[in-house]
Amino acid sequence: MKRQKADSQQTASIVDSMDVYSLCRWASLKEAIDLIGEKCDERNIDFDSFDVKPLDLLKYVDSMTDDLYNRVTQTPFQT
């Protein structure tokens, strides 16, 4: 339990030190992996055996990062 708490504190520290663009990039990568996982489930393909094309993944992340960054920076904060 102590190890898990230390890991989550370290992760929180890393996330706190990231700029908005980096967070958007990570979020875009997570979204891409989630989409691939959904498609694998739909087609009954094992995710681990699916052949991910790195350049296609990079193109997706690049395009989605800019879109997400623009949405995040243009959305006013609501309290």
Protein backbone atom coordinates (compact mmCIF):
# COMPACT_ATOMS: atom_id res chain seq x y z
CA MET A 1 0.00 0.00 0.00
CA LYS A 2 2.87 2.39 0.79
CA ARG A 3 4.42 1.71 -2.62
CA GLN A 4 1.16 2.49 -4.42
CA LYS A 5 0.73 5.75 -2.52
CA ALA A 6 4.31 6.79 -3.30
CA ASP A 7 3.78 5.98 -7.01
CA SER A 8 0.62 8.08 -7.18
CA GLN A 9 2.35 10.99 -5.44
CA GLN A 10 5.25 10.78 -7.89
CA THR A 11 2.83 10.67 -10.83
CA ALA A 12 0.94 13.68 -9.48
CA SER A 13 4.22 15.55 -9.17
CA ILE A 14 5.14 14.77 -12.78
CA VAL A 15 1.72 15.82 -14.07
CA ASP A 16 1.85 19.05 -12.05
CA SER A 17 5.14 19.96 -13.71
CA MET A 18 3.85 19.45 -17.28
CA ASP A 19 2.70 22.30 -19.47
CA VAL A 20 -0.75 22.27 -21.08
CA TYR A 21 0.56 21.20 -24.50
CA SER A 22 2.32 18.15 -23.03
CA LEU A 23 -0.82 17.14 -21.14
CA CYS A 24 -2.84 17.47 -24.34
CA ARG A 25 -0.31 15.30 -26.15
CA TRP A 26 -0.55 12.57 -23.52
CA ALA A 27 -4.35 12.79 -23.57
CA SER A 28 -4.31 12.43 -27.36
CA LEU A 29 -2.10 9.34 -27.12
CA LYS A 30 -4.44 7.82 -24.53
CA GLU A 31 -7.42 8.54 -26.79
CA ALA A 32 -5.65 6.85 -29.73
CA ILE A 33 -4.90 3.74 -27.65
CA ASP A 34 -8.50 3.65 -26.41
CA LEU A 35 -9.80 3.84 -30.00
CA ILE A 36 -7.50 1.03 -31.08
CA GLY A 37 -8.70 -1.02 -28.11
CA GLU A 38 -12.35 -0.44 -29.03
CA LYS A 39 -11.73 -1.47 -32.64
CA CYS A 40 -9.92 -4.61 -31.48
CA ASP A 41 -12.87 -5.49 -29.24
CA GLU A 42 -15.35 -4.92 -32.09
CA ARG A 43 -13.36 -7.21 -34.38
CA ASN A 44 -12.48 -9.78 -31.69
CA ILE A 45 -8.75 -9.16 -32.14
CA ASP A 46 -6.33 -9.49 -29.24
CA PHE A 47 -4.95 -6.01 -28.50
CA ASP A 48 -1.45 -7.37 -27.85
CA SER A 49 -1.32 -9.04 -31.26
CA PHE A 50 -2.64 -5.99 -33.15
CA ASP A 51 -0.02 -4.40 -35.41
CA VAL A 52 0.10 -0.71 -34.45
CA LYS A 53 1.65 1.46 -37.15
CA PRO A 54 3.81 4.03 -35.33
CA LEU A 55 3.64 6.68 -38.06
CA ASP A 56 -0.16 6.48 -38.22
CA LEU A 57 -0.30 6.75 -34.45
CA LEU A 58 2.05 9.76 -34.53
CA LYS A 59 -0.06 11.50 -37.19
CA TYR A 60 -3.21 10.95 -35.13
CA VAL A 61 -1.59 12.24 -31.96
CA ASP A 62 -0.17 15.28 -33.79
CA SER A 63 -3.53 16.26 -35.25
CA MET A 64 -5.52 15.60 -32.08
CA THR A 65 -3.01 17.39 -29.85
CA ASP A 66 -3.43 20.66 -31.71
CA ASP A 67 -7.21 20.32 -31.72
CA LEU A 68 -7.37 19.50 -28.02
CA TYR A 69 -4.88 22.24 -27.12
CA ASN A 70 -6.98 24.82 -28.97
CA ARG A 71 -10.14 23.66 -27.22
CA VAL A 72 -8.51 23.71 -23.78
CA THR A 73 -6.89 27.12 -24.15
CA GLN A 74 -10.00 28.74 -25.63
CA THR A 75 -12.41 27.39 -23.03
CA PRO A 76 -12.86 29.85 -20.14
CA PHE A 77 -12.40 28.37 -16.69
CA GLN A 78 -15.62 28.00 -14.74
CA THR A 79 -15.58 28.02 -10.95
